[in-house]
Amino acid sequence: MRAPISVATTWFSADRFYDVAKIFRRHRSITRTLAHYGISDYRRQWTRITATFADAVDAGRLRLSVQRPILVVESLDVTSEDVPVLTTRGRFAADRAALIVES
């Protein structure tokens, strides 16, 4: 059975990236989208991994029953000058994924 492993939500500053949805649809890549705005280098400043239970929306997207455990990965990416560029919240079906964090 094919089933989704994760869903994610990414936030950009509306002031700095006012038309980011249109640009992302064109490029289909976060890296190329940021390059469009002149950001050629960025890095992960922090990542937080927690566990919780799937709500109805995420359960539907991940094809899980409600209240199944999921892993939540929240992160902040910044420029080389430590200016925030995006925040992401990924949700993973806990029994379909393994996470490895390296630095």
PDB file of N, CA and C in Angstrom:
ATOM      1  N   MET A   1       0.838  -1.177   0.000  1.00  0.00           N
ATOM      2  CA  MET A   1       0.000   0.000   0.000  1.00  0.00           C
ATOM      3  C   MET A   1       0.890   1.249   0.000  1.00  0.00           C
ATOM      4  N   ARG A   2       0.634   2.150  -0.891  1.00  0.00           N
ATOM      5  CA  ARG A   2       1.339   3.433  -0.915  1.00  0.00           C
ATOM      6  C   ARG A   2       0.617   4.391   0.015  1.00  0.00           C
ATOM      7  N   ALA A   3       1.389   5.035   0.873  1.00  0.00           N
ATOM      8  CA  ALA A   3       0.803   5.983   1.818  1.00  0.00           C
ATOM      9  C   ALA A   3       1.773   7.138   2.029  1.00  0.00           C
ATOM     10  N   PRO A   4       1.252   8.333   2.263  1.00  0.00           N
ATOM     11  CA  PRO A   4       2.127   9.476   2.511  1.00  0.00           C
ATOM     12  C   PRO A   4       2.966   9.269   3.765  1.00  0.00           C
ATOM     13  N   ILE A   5       4.171   9.784   3.734  1.00  0.00           N
ATOM     14  CA  ILE A   5       5.055   9.723   4.897  1.00  0.00           C
ATOM     15  C   ILE A   5       4.955  11.002   5.711  1.00  0.00           C
ATOM     16  N   SER A   6       4.826  12.141   5.016  1.00  0.00           N
ATOM     17  CA  SER A   6       4.823  13.409   5.741  1.00  0.00           C
ATOM     18  C   SER A   6       4.008  14.473   5.025  1.00  0.00           C
ATOM     19  N   VAL A   7       3.653  15.483   5.791  1.00  0.00           N
ATOM     20  CA  VAL A   7       3.085  16.722   5.268  1.00  0.00           C
ATOM     21  C   VAL A   7       3.846  17.851   5.949  1.00  0.00           C
ATOM     22  N   ALA A   8       3.958  18.976   5.286  1.00  0.00           N
ATOM     23  CA  ALA A   8       4.712  20.086   5.876  1.00  0.00           C
ATOM     24  C   ALA A   8       4.067  21.410   5.529  1.00  0.00           C
ATOM     25  N   THR A   9       4.280  22.364   6.411  1.00  0.00           N
ATOM     26  CA  THR A   9       3.847  23.733   6.205  1.00  0.00           C
ATOM     27  C   THR A   9       5.077  24.618   6.352  1.00  0.00           C
ATOM     28  N   THR A  10       5.271  25.524   5.410  1.00  0.00           N
ATOM     29  CA  THR A  10       6.411  26.433   5.451  1.00  0.00           C
ATOM     30  C   THR A  10       5.901  27.861   5.447  1.00  0.00           C
ATOM     31  N   TRP A  11       6.494  28.688   6.299  1.00  0.00           N
ATOM     32  CA  TRP A  11       6.117  30.095   6.398  1.00  0.00           C
ATOM     33  C   TRP A  11       7.280  30.977   5.970  1.00  0.00           C
ATOM     34  N   PHE A  12       6.966  32.005   5.206  1.00  0.00           N
ATOM     35  CA  PHE A  12       7.904  33.043   4.785  1.00  0.00           C
ATOM     36  C   PHE A  12       7.358  34.380   5.274  1.00  0.00           C
ATOM     37  N   SER A  13       8.220  35.351   5.484  1.00  0.00           N
ATOM     38  CA  SER A  13       7.789  36.698   5.844  1.00  0.00           C
ATOM     39  C   SER A  13       7.023  37.309   4.672  1.00  0.00           C
ATOM     40  N   ALA A  14       5.799  37.734   4.921  1.00  0.00           N
ATOM     41  CA  ALA A  14       4.984  38.342   3.858  1.00  0.00           C
ATOM     42  C   ALA A  14       5.585  39.665   3.380  1.00  0.00           C
ATOM     43  N   ASP A  15       6.263  40.382   4.262  1.00  0.00           N
ATOM     44  CA  ASP A  15       6.885  41.649   3.862  1.00  0.00           C
ATOM     45  C   ASP A  15       8.034  41.428   2.885  1.00  0.00           C
ATOM     46  N   ARG A  16       8.853  40.441   3.169  1.00  0.00           N
ATOM     47  CA  ARG A  16      10.041  40.204   2.341  1.00  0.00           C
ATOM     48  C   ARG A  16       9.732  39.366   1.109  1.00  0.00           C
ATOM     49  N   PHE A  17       8.805  38.422   1.235  1.00  0.00           N
ATOM     50  CA  PHE A  17       8.498  37.468   0.163  1.00  0.00           C
ATOM     51  C   PHE A  17       7.024  37.574  -0.217  1.00  0.00           C
ATOM     52  N   TYR A  18       6.609  38.733  -0.652  1.00  0.00           N
ATOM     53  CA  TYR A  18       5.185  39.025  -0.843  1.00  0.00           C
ATOM     54  C   TYR A  18       4.501  38.136  -1.871  1.00  0.00           C
ATOM     55  N   ASP A  19       5.224  37.641  -2.877  1.00  0.00           N
ATOM     56  CA  ASP A  19       4.599  36.794  -3.907  1.00  0.00           C
ATOM     57  C   ASP A  19       5.226  35.397  -3.939  1.00  0.00           C
ATOM     58  N   VAL A  20       5.628  34.907  -2.771  1.00  0.00           N
ATOM     59  CA  VAL A  20       6.374  33.648  -2.701  1.00  0.00           C
ATOM     60  C   VAL A  20       5.577  32.458  -3.241  1.00  0.00           C
ATOM     61  N   ALA A  21       4.284  32.433  -3.067  1.00  0.00           N
ATOM     62  CA  ALA A  21       3.494  31.296  -3.567  1.00  0.00           C
ATOM     63  C   ALA A  21       3.602  31.192  -5.083  1.00  0.00           C
ATOM     64  N   LYS A  22       3.515  32.322  -5.768  1.00  0.00           N
ATOM     65  CA  LYS A  22       3.634  32.328  -7.228  1.00  0.00           C
ATOM     66  C   LYS A  22       5.034  31.890  -7.659  1.00  0.00           C
ATOM     67  N   ILE A  23       6.054  32.389  -6.992  1.00  0.00           N
ATOM     68  CA  ILE A  23       7.432  32.052  -7.343  1.00  0.00           C
ATOM     69  C   ILE A  23       7.699  30.570  -7.070  1.00  0.00           C
ATOM     70  N   PHE A  24       7.209  30.061  -5.944  1.00  0.00           N
ATOM     71  CA  PHE A  24       7.414  28.644  -5.633  1.00  0.00           C
ATOM     72  C   PHE A  24       6.713  27.751  -6.662  1.00  0.00           C
ATOM     73  N   ARG A  25       5.512  28.107  -7.072  1.00  0.00           N
ATOM     74  CA  ARG A  25       4.810  27.301  -8.090  1.00  0.00           C
ATOM     75  C   ARG A  25       5.626  27.216  -9.374  1.00  0.00           C
ATOM     76  N   ARG A  26       6.326  28.287  -9.709  1.00  0.00           N
ATOM     77  CA  ARG A  26       7.157  28.297 -10.914  1.00  0.00           C
ATOM     78  C   ARG A  26       8.401  27.415 -10.748  1.00  0.00           C
ATOM     79  N   HIS A  27       9.059  27.513  -9.612  1.00  0.00           N
ATOM     80  CA  HIS A  27      10.342  26.824  -9.420  1.00  0.00           C
ATOM     81  C   HIS A  27      10.228  25.441  -8.781  1.00  0.00           C
ATOM     82  N   ARG A  28       9.193  25.206  -7.984  1.00  0.00           N
ATOM     83  CA  ARG A  28       8.982  23.922  -7.297  1.00  0.00           C
ATOM     84  C   ARG A  28      10.177  23.531  -6.432  1.00  0.00           C
ATOM     85  N   SER A  29      10.853  24.527  -5.865  1.00  0.00           N
ATOM     86  CA  SER A  29      12.049  24.299  -5.050  1.00  0.00           C
ATOM     87  C   SER A  29      12.211  25.472  -4.094  1.00  0.00           C
ATOM     88  N   ILE A  30      12.413  25.175  -2.816  1.00  0.00           N
ATOM     89  CA  ILE A  30      12.660  26.235  -1.839  1.00  0.00           C
ATOM     90  C   ILE A  30      13.965  26.949  -2.178  1.00  0.00           C
ATOM     91  N   THR A  31      15.018  26.197  -2.491  1.00  0.00           N
ATOM     92  CA  THR A  31      16.319  26.795  -2.793  1.00  0.00           C
ATOM     93  C   THR A  31      16.231  27.733  -3.991  1.00  0.00           C
ATOM     94  N   ARG A  32      15.574  27.292  -5.060  1.00  0.00           N
ATOM     95  CA  ARG A  32      15.445  28.160  -6.244  1.00  0.00           C
ATOM     96  C   ARG A  32      14.524  29.351  -5.968  1.00  0.00           C
ATOM     97  N   THR A  33      13.521  29.151  -5.124  1.00  0.00           N
ATOM     98  CA  THR A  33      12.648  30.263  -4.756  1.00  0.00           C
ATOM     99  C   THR A  33      13.434  31.317  -3.980  1.00  0.00           C
ATOM    100  N   LEU A  34      14.234  30.883  -3.012  1.00  0.00           N
ATOM    101  CA  LEU A  34      15.041  31.844  -2.261  1.00  0.00           C
ATOM    102  C   LEU A  34      16.060  32.526  -3.166  1.00  0.00           C
ATOM    103  N   ALA A  35      16.636  31.801  -4.128  1.00  0.00           N
ATOM    104  CA  ALA A  35      17.587  32.407  -5.073  1.00  0.00           C
ATOM    105  C   ALA A  35      16.904  33.511  -5.884  1.00  0.00           C
ATOM    106  N   HIS A  36      15.630  33.322  -6.201  1.00  0.00           N
ATOM    107  CA  HIS A  36      14.870  34.352  -6.911  1.00  0.00           C
ATOM    108  C   HIS A  36      14.897  35.684  -6.143  1.00  0.00           C
ATOM    109  N   TYR A  37      14.910  35.597  -4.821  1.00  0.00           N
ATOM    110  CA  TYR A  37      14.933  36.784  -3.969  1.00  0.00           C
ATOM    111  C   TYR A  37      16.357  37.206  -3.586  1.00  0.00           C
ATOM    112  N   GLY A  38      17.362  36.618  -4.236  1.00  0.00           N
ATOM    113  CA  GLY A  38      18.737  36.998  -3.976  1.00  0.00           C
ATOM    114  C   GLY A  38      19.396  36.282  -2.820  1.00  0.00           C
ATOM    115  N   ILE A  39      18.782  35.231  -2.317  1.00  0.00           N
ATOM    116  CA  ILE A  39      19.360  34.469  -1.203  1.00  0.00           C
ATOM    117  C   ILE A  39      19.977  33.200  -1.782  1.00  0.00           C
ATOM    118  N   SER A  40      21.299  33.214  -1.897  1.00  0.00           N
ATOM    119  CA  SER A  40      21.990  32.079  -2.515  1.00  0.00           C
ATOM    120  C   SER A  40      22.504  31.079  -1.493  1.00  0.00           C
ATOM    121  N   ASP A  41      22.530  31.467  -0.226  1.00  0.00           N
ATOM    122  CA  ASP A  41      23.048  30.583   0.807  1.00  0.00           C
ATOM    123  C   ASP A  41      22.198  30.729   2.060  1.00  0.00           C
ATOM    124  N   TYR A  42      21.795  29.618   2.615  1.00  0.00           N
ATOM    125  CA  TYR A  42      21.068  29.626   3.876  1.00  0.00           C
ATOM    126  C   TYR A  42      21.362  28.334   4.606  1.00  0.00           C
ATOM    127  N   ARG A  43      21.068  28.317   5.902  1.00  0.00           N
ATOM    128  CA  ARG A  43      21.369  27.134   6.710  1.00  0.00           C
ATOM    129  C   ARG A  43      20.297  26.954   7.770  1.00  0.00           C
ATOM    130  N   ARG A  44      20.256  25.754   8.293  1.00  0.00           N
ATOM    131  CA  ARG A  44      19.328  25.444   9.377  1.00  0.00           C
ATOM    132  C   ARG A  44      19.907  25.988  10.675  1.00  0.00           C
ATOM    133  N   GLN A  45      19.175  26.864  11.353  1.00  0.00           N
ATOM    134  CA  GLN A  45      19.654  27.387  12.631  1.00  0.00           C
ATOM    135  C   GLN A  45      19.283  26.460  13.779  1.00  0.00           C
ATOM    136  N   TRP A  46      18.067  25.931  13.738  1.00  0.00           N
ATOM    137  CA  TRP A  46      17.672  24.965  14.760  1.00  0.00           C
ATOM    138  C   TRP A  46      16.566  24.057  14.239  1.00  0.00           C
ATOM    139  N   THR A  47      16.492  22.894  14.870  1.00  0.00           N
ATOM    140  CA  THR A  47      15.450  21.907  14.581  1.00  0.00           C
ATOM    141  C   THR A  47      14.955  21.364  15.909  1.00  0.00           C
ATOM    142  N   ARG A  48      13.657  21.290  16.056  1.00  0.00           N
ATOM    143  CA  ARG A  48      13.059  20.702  17.255  1.00  0.00           C
ATOM    144  C   ARG A  48      12.184  19.532  16.801  1.00  0.00           C
ATOM    145  N   ILE A  49      12.374  18.371  17.420  1.00  0.00           N
ATOM    146  CA  ILE A  49      11.595  17.180  17.086  1.00  0.00           C
ATOM    147  C   ILE A  49      10.806  16.773  18.322  1.00  0.00           C
ATOM    148  N   THR A  50       9.491  16.676  18.145  1.00  0.00           N
ATOM    149  CA  THR A  50       8.611  16.268  19.230  1.00  0.00           C
ATOM    150  C   THR A  50       7.645  15.204  18.715  1.00  0.00           C
ATOM    151  N   ALA A  51       6.896  14.639  19.623  1.00  0.00           N
ATOM    152  CA  ALA A  51       5.860  13.678  19.249  1.00  0.00           C
ATOM    153  C   ALA A  51       4.525  14.175  19.779  1.00  0.00           C
ATOM    154  N   THR A  52       3.486  13.895  19.025  1.00  0.00           N
ATOM    155  CA  THR A  52       2.134  14.262  19.443  1.00  0.00           C
ATOM    156  C   THR A  52       1.171  13.298  18.749  1.00  0.00           C
ATOM    157  N   PHE A  53      -0.099  13.579  18.841  1.00  0.00           N
ATOM    158  CA  PHE A  53      -1.094  12.765  18.171  1.00  0.00           C
ATOM    159  C   PHE A  53      -1.659  13.530  16.982  1.00  0.00           C
ATOM    160  N   ALA A  54      -1.957  12.824  15.922  1.00  0.00           N
ATOM    161  CA  ALA A  54      -2.484  13.446  14.705  1.00  0.00           C
ATOM    162  C   ALA A  54      -3.868  14.036  14.968  1.00  0.00           C
ATOM    163  N   ASP A  55      -4.076  15.266  14.459  1.00  0.00           N
ATOM    164  CA  ASP A  55      -5.417  15.831  14.488  1.00  0.00           C
ATOM    165  C   ASP A  55      -6.162  15.324  13.259  1.00  0.00           C
ATOM    166  N   ALA A  56      -7.402  15.699  13.118  1.00  0.00           N
ATOM    167  CA  ALA A  56      -8.230  15.187  12.025  1.00  0.00           C
ATOM    168  C   ALA A  56      -7.665  15.554  10.658  1.00  0.00           C
ATOM    169  N   VAL A  57      -7.159  16.775  10.505  1.00  0.00           N
ATOM    170  CA  VAL A  57      -6.638  17.219   9.207  1.00  0.00           C
ATOM    171  C   VAL A  57      -5.385  16.422   8.832  1.00  0.00           C
ATOM    172  N   ASP A  58      -4.408  16.377   9.743  1.00  0.00           N
ATOM    173  CA  ASP A  58      -3.179  15.630   9.432  1.00  0.00           C
ATOM    174  C   ASP A  58      -3.438  14.139   9.301  1.00  0.00           C
ATOM    175  N   ALA A  59      -4.344  13.596  10.088  1.00  0.00           N
ATOM    176  CA  ALA A  59      -4.681  12.178   9.963  1.00  0.00           C
ATOM    177  C   ALA A  59      -5.219  11.885   8.564  1.00  0.00           C
ATOM    178  N   GLY A  60      -6.067  12.753   8.056  1.00  0.00           N
ATOM    179  CA  GLY A  60      -6.596  12.566   6.708  1.00  0.00           C
ATOM    180  C   GLY A  60      -5.511  12.655   5.653  1.00  0.00           C
ATOM    181  N   ARG A  61      -4.636  13.649   5.783  1.00  0.00           N
ATOM    182  CA  ARG A  61      -3.558  13.824   4.803  1.00  0.00           C
ATOM    183  C   ARG A  61      -2.562  12.673   4.832  1.00  0.00           C
ATOM    184  N   LEU A  62      -2.309  12.144   6.028  1.00  0.00           N
ATOM    185  CA  LEU A  62      -1.331  11.059   6.175  1.00  0.00           C
ATOM    186  C   LEU A  62      -1.967   9.670   6.110  1.00  0.00           C
ATOM    187  N   ARG A  63      -3.279   9.644   5.932  1.00  0.00           N
ATOM    188  CA  ARG A  63      -4.025   8.376   5.901  1.00  0.00           C
ATOM    189  C   ARG A  63      -3.781   7.562   7.169  1.00  0.00           C
ATOM    190  N   LEU A  64      -3.971   8.235   8.294  1.00  0.00           N
ATOM    191  CA  LEU A  64      -3.858   7.621   9.621  1.00  0.00           C
ATOM    192  C   LEU A  64      -5.199   7.743  10.327  1.00  0.00           C
ATOM    193  N   SER A  65      -5.417   6.921  11.326  1.00  0.00           N
ATOM    194  CA  SER A  65      -6.592   7.140  12.163  1.00  0.00           C
ATOM    195  C   SER A  65      -6.298   8.311  13.101  1.00  0.00           C
ATOM    196  N   VAL A  66      -7.336   9.019  13.479  1.00  0.00           N
ATOM    197  CA  VAL A  66      -7.175  10.157  14.380  1.00  0.00           C
ATOM    198  C   VAL A  66      -6.561   9.662  15.682  1.00  0.00           C
ATOM    199  N   GLN A  67      -5.713  10.482  16.247  1.00  0.00           N
ATOM    200  CA  GLN A  67      -5.014  10.211  17.494  1.00  0.00           C
ATOM    201  C   GLN A  67      -3.895   9.166  17.376  1.00  0.00           C
ATOM    202  N   ARG A  68      -3.441   8.888  16.135  1.00  0.00           N
ATOM    203  CA  ARG A  68      -2.238   8.084  15.956  1.00  0.00           C
ATOM    204  C   ARG A  68      -1.035   8.966  16.214  1.00  0.00           C
ATOM    205  N   PRO A  69       0.066   8.415  16.734  1.00  0.00           N
ATOM    206  CA  PRO A  69       1.246   9.236  16.993  1.00  0.00           C
ATOM    207  C   PRO A  69       1.909   9.719  15.702  1.00  0.00           C
ATOM    208  N   ILE A  70       2.353  10.962  15.744  1.00  0.00           N
ATOM    209  CA  ILE A  70       3.137  11.530  14.647  1.00  0.00           C
ATOM    210  C   ILE A  70       4.372  12.212  15.237  1.00  0.00           C
ATOM    211  N   LEU A  71       5.402  12.331  14.422  1.00  0.00           N
ATOM    212  CA  LEU A  71       6.571  13.120  14.784  1.00  0.00           C
ATOM    213  C   LEU A  71       6.408  14.502  14.170  1.00  0.00           C
ATOM    214  N   VAL A  72       6.724  15.525  14.935  1.00  0.00           N
ATOM    215  CA  VAL A  72       6.633  16.902  14.464  1.00  0.00           C
ATOM    216  C   VAL A  72       8.049  17.469  14.432  1.00  0.00           C
ATOM    217  N   VAL A  73       8.446  17.953  13.262  1.00  0.00           N
ATOM    218  CA  VAL A  73       9.780  18.528  13.086  1.00  0.00           C
ATOM    219  C   VAL A  73       9.606  19.998  12.737  1.00  0.00           C
ATOM    220  N   GLU A  74       9.994  20.870  13.661  1.00  0.00           N
ATOM    221  CA  GLU A  74       9.915  22.308  13.454  1.00  0.00           C
ATOM    222  C   GLU A  74      11.333  22.832  13.266  1.00  0.00           C
ATOM    223  N   SER A  75      11.490  23.784  12.342  1.00  0.00           N
ATOM    224  CA  SER A  75      12.839  24.280  12.070  1.00  0.00           C
ATOM    225  C   SER A  75      12.810  25.732  11.630  1.00  0.00           C
ATOM    226  N   LEU A  76      13.976  26.361  11.765  1.00  0.00           N
ATOM    227  CA  LEU A  76      14.178  27.732  11.316  1.00  0.00           C
ATOM    228  C   LEU A  76      15.424  27.757  10.449  1.00  0.00           C
ATOM    229  N   ASP A  77      15.287  28.296   9.238  1.00  0.00           N
ATOM    230  CA  ASP A  77      16.420  28.482   8.330  1.00  0.00           C
ATOM    231  C   ASP A  77      16.755  29.961   8.262  1.00  0.00           C
ATOM    232  N   VAL A  78      18.073  30.261   8.238  1.00  0.00           N
ATOM    233  CA  VAL A  78      18.544  31.644   8.250  1.00  0.00           C
ATOM    234  C   VAL A  78      19.608  31.837   7.178  1.00  0.00           C
ATOM    235  N   THR A  79      19.857  33.112   6.836  1.00  0.00           N
ATOM    236  CA  THR A  79      20.939  33.446   5.909  1.00  0.00           C
ATOM    237  C   THR A  79      22.270  33.326   6.642  1.00  0.00           C
ATOM    238  N   SER A  80      23.366  33.530   5.917  1.00  0.00           N
ATOM    239  CA  SER A  80      24.687  33.495   6.539  1.00  0.00           C
ATOM    240  C   SER A  80      24.857  34.626   7.557  1.00  0.00           C
ATOM    241  N   GLU A  81      23.994  35.656   7.478  1.00  0.00           N
ATOM    242  CA  GLU A  81      24.010  36.755   8.448  1.00  0.00           C
ATOM    243  C   GLU A  81      23.007  36.516   9.579  1.00  0.00           C
ATOM    244  N   ASP A  82      22.486  35.293   9.683  1.00  0.00           N
ATOM    245  CA  ASP A  82      21.512  34.902  10.714  1.00  0.00           C
ATOM    246  C   ASP A  82      20.170  35.612  10.604  1.00  0.00           C
ATOM    247  N   VAL A  83      19.803  36.045   9.405  1.00  0.00           N
ATOM    248  CA  VAL A  83      18.490  36.642   9.175  1.00  0.00           C
ATOM    249  C   VAL A  83      17.515  35.506   8.842  1.00  0.00           C
ATOM    250  N   PRO A  84      16.432  35.358   9.598  1.00  0.00           N
ATOM    251  CA  PRO A  84      15.474  34.284   9.315  1.00  0.00           C
ATOM    252  C   PRO A  84      14.881  34.410   7.908  1.00  0.00           C
ATOM    253  N   VAL A  85      14.765  33.268   7.200  1.00  0.00           N
ATOM    254  CA  VAL A  85      14.141  33.280   5.878  1.00  0.00           C
ATOM    255  C   VAL A  85      12.913  32.383   5.809  1.00  0.00           C
ATOM    256  N   LEU A  86      12.891  31.300   6.574  1.00  0.00           N
ATOM    257  CA  LEU A  86      11.699  30.468   6.573  1.00  0.00           C
ATOM    258  C   LEU A  86      11.631  29.598   7.810  1.00  0.00           C
ATOM    259  N   THR A  87      10.416  29.264   8.162  1.00  0.00           N
ATOM    260  CA  THR A  87      10.123  28.350   9.259  1.00  0.00           C
ATOM    261  C   THR A  87       9.283  27.223   8.682  1.00  0.00           C
ATOM    262  N   THR A  88       9.577  26.006   9.110  1.00  0.00           N
ATOM    263  CA  THR A  88       8.840  24.858   8.600  1.00  0.00           C
ATOM    264  C   THR A  88       8.347  24.002   9.766  1.00  0.00           C
ATOM    265  N   ARG A  89       7.166  23.421   9.583  1.00  0.00           N
ATOM    266  CA  ARG A  89       6.611  22.449  10.537  1.00  0.00           C
ATOM    267  C   ARG A  89       6.189  21.226   9.738  1.00  0.00           C
ATOM    268  N   GLY A  90       6.988  20.178   9.847  1.00  0.00           N
ATOM    269  CA  GLY A  90       6.691  18.927   9.156  1.00  0.00           C
ATOM    270  C   GLY A  90       6.059  17.935  10.114  1.00  0.00           C
ATOM    271  N   ARG A  91       5.125  17.156   9.611  1.00  0.00           N
ATOM    272  CA  ARG A  91       4.487  16.113  10.409  1.00  0.00           C
ATOM    273  C   ARG A  91       4.686  14.785   9.702  1.00  0.00           C
ATOM    274  N   PHE A  92       5.209  13.802  10.436  1.00  0.00           N
ATOM    275  CA  PHE A  92       5.562  12.502   9.882  1.00  0.00           C
ATOM    276  C   PHE A  92       4.768  11.396  10.553  1.00  0.00           C
ATOM    277  N   ALA A  93       4.273  10.463   9.757  1.00  0.00           N
ATOM    278  CA  ALA A  93       3.660   9.259  10.315  1.00  0.00           C
ATOM    279  C   ALA A  93       4.760   8.513  11.066  1.00  0.00           C
ATOM    280  N   ALA A  94       4.627   8.390  12.367  1.00  0.00           N
ATOM    281  CA  ALA A  94       5.716   7.888  13.212  1.00  0.00           C
ATOM    282  C   ALA A  94       6.151   6.477  12.841  1.00  0.00           C
ATOM    283  N   ASP A  95       5.243   5.667  12.359  1.00  0.00           N
ATOM    284  CA  ASP A  95       5.612   4.278  12.034  1.00  0.00           C
ATOM    285  C   ASP A  95       6.095   4.112  10.594  1.00  0.00           C
ATOM    286  N   ARG A  96       6.240   5.223   9.852  1.00  0.00           N
ATOM    287  CA  ARG A  96       6.704   5.154   8.467  1.00  0.00           C
ATOM    288  C   ARG A  96       8.013   5.901   8.232  1.00  0.00           C
ATOM    289  N   ALA A  97       8.595   6.460   9.277  1.00  0.00           N
ATOM    290  CA  ALA A  97       9.774   7.300   9.070  1.00  0.00           C
ATOM    291  C   ALA A  97      10.803   7.096  10.170  1.00  0.00           C
ATOM    292  N   ALA A  98      12.055   7.304   9.803  1.00  0.00           N
ATOM    293  CA  ALA A  98      13.156   7.384  10.767  1.00  0.00           C
ATOM    294  C   ALA A  98      13.860   8.695  10.477  1.00  0.00           C
ATOM    295  N   LEU A  99      14.194   9.429  11.504  1.00  0.00           N
ATOM    296  CA  LEU A  99      14.850  10.723  11.326  1.00  0.00           C
ATOM    297  C   LEU A  99      16.297  10.642  11.805  1.00  0.00           C
ATOM    298  N   ILE A 100      17.203  11.165  11.015  1.00  0.00           N
ATOM    299  CA  ILE A 100      18.619  11.249  11.372  1.00  0.00           C
ATOM    300  C   ILE A 100      18.987  12.723  11.313  1.00  0.00           C
ATOM    301  N   VAL A 101      19.563  13.237  12.388  1.00  0.00           N
ATOM    302  CA  VAL A 101      19.967  14.629  12.436  1.00  0.00           C
ATOM    303  C   VAL A 101      21.492  14.662  12.531  1.00  0.00           C
ATOM    304  N   GLU A 102      22.130  15.305  11.566  1.00  0.00           N
ATOM    305  CA  GLU A 102      23.578  15.444  11.564  1.00  0.00           C
ATOM    306  C   GLU A 102      23.927  16.922  11.559  1.00  0.00           C
ATOM    307  N   SER A 103      25.101  17.242  12.047  1.00  0.00           N
ATOM    308  CA  SER A 103      25.537  18.636  11.992  1.00  0.00           C
ATOM    309  C   SER A 103      26.908  18.726  11.364  1.00  0.00           C
TER     310      SER A 103
END
